Protein backbone atom coordinates (compact mmCIF):
# COMPACT_ATOMS: atom_id res chain seq x y z
CA MET A 1 0.60 40.15 -25.33
CA LYS A 2 0.59 35.86 -25.57
CA GLU A 3 -2.78 35.06 -27.13
CA VAL A 4 -4.55 32.16 -24.73
CA LYS A 5 -6.39 29.21 -26.44
CA LEU A 6 -9.30 28.03 -24.23
CA SER A 7 -10.82 24.89 -23.86
CA LYS A 8 -13.98 24.07 -24.85
CA PHE A 9 -15.74 23.61 -21.71
CA GLU A 10 -13.08 27.30 -20.50
CA GLN A 11 -14.91 29.88 -23.73
CA GLU A 12 -19.14 27.90 -22.43
CA ILE A 13 -18.31 29.56 -18.68
CA GLU A 14 -16.17 32.90 -20.40
CA ASP A 15 -20.03 33.20 -22.47
CA ALA A 16 -21.86 32.25 -20.04
CA ALA A 17 -19.68 35.05 -18.06
CA GLU A 18 -20.68 37.83 -20.88
CA LEU A 19 -24.59 37.10 -20.56
CA MET A 20 -24.54 37.56 -16.74
CA VAL A 21 -26.58 39.56 -15.01
CA PRO A 22 -27.31 40.55 -11.00
CA ILE A 23 -29.83 38.76 -9.46
CA THR A 24 -31.96 39.79 -6.18
CA GLY A 25 -35.37 38.29 -4.46
CA GLU A 26 -37.22 34.67 -4.22
CA LYS A 27 -33.80 34.38 -7.32
CA LYS A 28 -31.08 34.96 -5.31
CA GLU A 29 -33.13 33.14 -2.04
CA LYS A 30 -33.73 30.12 -3.93
CA LEU A 31 -29.41 30.90 -5.12
CA ASP A 32 -28.10 30.99 -1.28
CA ALA A 33 -30.19 27.93 -0.72
CA ILE A 34 -28.31 25.83 -3.08
CA ILE A 35 -25.02 26.75 -2.21
CA ALA A 36 -25.90 26.95 0.71
CA SER A 37 -27.31 23.46 0.43
CA ALA A 38 -23.97 22.15 -1.06
CA ALA A 39 -22.11 23.07 0.85
CA GLU A 40 -24.15 21.50 3.96
CA LYS A 41 -22.44 18.44 1.85
CA ARG A 42 -19.51 19.41 2.01
CA LYS A 43 -19.41 19.87 4.92
CA LYS A 44 -16.38 16.84 7.48
CA LYS A 45 -17.54 14.96 10.36
CA SER A 46 -14.70 13.04 12.28
CA ILE A 47 -15.75 9.68 12.90
CA SER A 48 -13.98 6.63 14.62
CA ILE A 49 -13.81 2.61 12.40
CA ARG A 50 -12.52 -0.23 13.32
CA ILE A 51 -10.36 -2.57 10.28
CA SER A 52 -8.35 -5.22 10.29
CA GLU A 53 -5.19 -4.40 10.08
CA HIS A 54 -4.90 -6.55 7.09
CA ASP A 55 -7.33 -4.33 4.99
CA LEU A 56 -5.53 -1.00 6.74
CA ASN A 57 -2.61 -2.57 5.10
CA ARG A 58 -3.73 -2.67 2.22
CA ILE A 59 -5.91 0.75 1.79
CA LYS A 60 -1.84 2.16 3.03
CA GLU A 61 -0.23 0.79 0.06
CA GLN A 62 -2.99 1.66 -2.33
CA SER A 63 -3.21 4.93 -1.29
CA ALA A 64 0.94 5.34 -1.65
CA ALA A 65 1.13 3.96 -4.97
CA GLU A 66 -1.58 6.15 -5.30
CA GLY A 67 0.07 8.54 -4.01
CA ILE A 68 -2.64 9.99 -1.82
CA PRO A 69 -2.82 10.14 1.92
CA TYR A 70 -5.17 6.72 3.28
CA GLN A 71 -7.99 9.32 5.03
CA THR A 72 -8.60 10.53 1.51
CA LEU A 73 -8.89 7.08 -0.61
CA ILE A 74 -11.49 5.70 2.21
CA THR A 75 -13.31 7.86 2.06
CA SER A 76 -13.59 8.18 -2.10
CA ILE A 77 -14.01 4.54 -1.96
CA ILE A 78 -17.47 5.27 0.22
CA HIS A 79 -18.41 7.85 -1.81
CA LYS A 80 -18.45 6.18 -5.00
CA TYR A 81 -20.17 3.35 -2.86
CA LEU A 82 -22.58 5.72 -1.74
CA ASN A 83 -23.23 6.85 -5.54
CA GLY A 84 -23.26 3.76 -7.29
CA SER A 85 -19.84 4.04 -8.85
CA LEU A 86 -17.41 1.61 -7.10
CA VAL A 87 -17.15 -0.77 -10.02
CA ASP A 88 -15.14 -4.17 -9.74
CA GLU A 89 -13.26 -4.16 -11.91
CA SER A 90 -12.47 -7.86 -11.53
CA ALA A 91 -16.97 -9.03 -11.52
CA ILE A 92 -16.96 -6.96 -14.91
CA ARG A 93 -14.02 -8.48 -17.01
CA ARG A 94 -15.59 -11.88 -15.50
CA ALA A 95 -18.91 -10.68 -16.70
CA ILE A 96 -16.77 -10.03 -20.17
CA ARG A 97 -15.19 -13.01 -20.41
CA LEU A 98 -18.45 -14.84 -20.79
CA MET A 99 -20.18 -12.13 -22.65
CA LYS A 100 -17.46 -13.35 -25.19
CA SER A 101 -18.32 -16.64 -24.65
């Protein structure tokens, strides 16, 4: 049988699985609430928005270049914006240039 090499993350999961025990009562209720909350956050809702044809075409071009559907790209942009992880690369490059001078 071929030996499988686990990544560090996979090994951590494997090690934790060996320590797991069934939970009941209050702990199970708390865990169920956490799972339900996470599922609620992942729910999708359809919306309609108006966007300039030029911007939509650019989004479609970018999504094609990245190999993902354009609606997925739009969703990703909104998600990153709301989480504070949407980065303006040109602004970062300008800031780096200013710091170097």
